[in-house]
Amino acid sequence: MLDGFPIEIFGQNKPTIEQNAYLHMVAEYKILQEKGEEFKQKIIELKKQGIKTEPAFGLLLGLENPYEDLLKF
């Protein structure tokens, strides 16, 4: 916790561009570009409600396991 805000640290013992966190960000960027501003605003609203990024994408895209499924994009 930092100032009452939960902090999660995730890393893998591999080059940055091969790490899941990086690959998720690349996939999320591509999805945001494809789906447009309305979709982006829905993601932002879910995050304001406390939903983490991958689960927010999972909810809107109907993904069963967003942590695994985003890696397929």
Protein backbone atom coordinates (compact mmCIF):
# COMPACT_ATOMS: atom_id res chain seq x y z
CA MET A 1 0.00 0.00 0.00
CA LEU A 2 1.15 3.52 -0.76
CA ASP A 3 -0.91 6.34 0.72
CA GLY A 4 -3.86 3.97 0.98
CA PHE A 5 -3.55 2.85 -2.66
CA PRO A 6 -2.72 -0.81 -3.39
CA ILE A 7 0.41 -1.28 -5.51
CA GLU A 8 1.11 -4.47 -7.42
CA ILE A 9 4.56 -5.24 -8.80
CA PHE A 10 4.82 -7.86 -11.52
CA GLY A 11 7.88 -8.92 -13.47
CA GLN A 12 9.23 -11.82 -15.43
CA ASN A 13 12.79 -12.96 -15.98
CA LYS A 14 12.79 -12.25 -19.72
CA PRO A 15 13.33 -9.25 -21.99
CA THR A 16 10.75 -6.48 -21.56
CA ILE A 17 9.16 -6.94 -24.98
CA GLU A 18 8.48 -10.61 -24.14
CA GLN A 19 6.87 -9.96 -20.74
CA ASN A 20 3.13 -10.44 -20.38
CA ALA A 21 2.59 -6.96 -18.91
CA TYR A 22 4.19 -5.36 -21.98
CA LEU A 23 2.28 -7.63 -24.37
CA HIS A 24 -0.97 -6.75 -22.59
CA MET A 25 -0.26 -3.04 -23.06
CA VAL A 26 0.43 -3.53 -26.78
CA ALA A 27 -2.78 -5.55 -27.22
CA GLU A 28 -4.81 -3.01 -25.23
CA TYR A 29 -3.43 -0.15 -27.33
CA LYS A 30 -4.38 -1.94 -30.56
CA ILE A 31 -7.87 -2.70 -29.23
CA LEU A 32 -8.37 0.92 -28.15
CA GLN A 33 -7.31 2.12 -31.61
CA GLU A 34 -9.70 -0.31 -33.28
CA LYS A 35 -12.70 0.21 -30.96
CA GLY A 36 -12.49 3.99 -30.70
CA GLU A 37 -13.21 6.69 -28.16
CA GLU A 38 -16.51 5.34 -26.80
CA PHE A 39 -14.89 2.02 -25.91
CA LYS A 40 -11.95 3.87 -24.33
CA GLN A 41 -14.31 5.89 -22.14
CA LYS A 42 -16.05 2.70 -20.99
CA ILE A 43 -12.66 1.28 -19.96
CA ILE A 44 -11.89 4.50 -18.06
CA GLU A 45 -15.23 4.34 -16.25
CA LEU A 46 -14.64 0.73 -15.21
CA LYS A 47 -11.18 1.65 -13.93
CA LYS A 48 -12.67 4.55 -11.93
CA GLN A 49 -14.93 1.95 -10.32
CA GLY A 50 -11.83 0.06 -9.17
CA ILE A 51 -11.68 -2.61 -11.85
CA LYS A 52 -8.15 -3.42 -13.01
CA THR A 53 -7.22 -2.91 -16.66
CA GLU A 54 -7.23 -6.49 -17.93
CA PRO A 55 -10.54 -7.39 -16.22
CA ALA A 56 -12.07 -4.17 -17.62
CA PHE A 57 -11.11 -5.20 -21.15
CA GLY A 58 -12.36 -8.70 -20.39
CA LEU A 59 -15.78 -7.42 -19.31
CA LEU A 60 -16.26 -5.30 -22.42
CA LEU A 61 -14.88 -7.88 -24.84
CA GLY A 62 -16.51 -10.92 -23.22
CA LEU A 63 -13.19 -12.61 -22.51
CA GLU A 64 -13.23 -15.68 -20.29
CA ASN A 65 -9.69 -15.11 -18.96
CA PRO A 66 -8.50 -11.63 -19.97
CA TYR A 67 -4.96 -12.20 -18.67
CA GLU A 68 -4.51 -15.10 -21.10
CA ASP A 69 -6.90 -14.00 -23.84
CA LEU A 70 -5.35 -10.55 -24.33
CA LEU A 71 -2.09 -12.27 -25.26
CA LYS A 72 -3.88 -13.74 -28.31
CA PHE A 73 -4.65 -10.32 -29.83
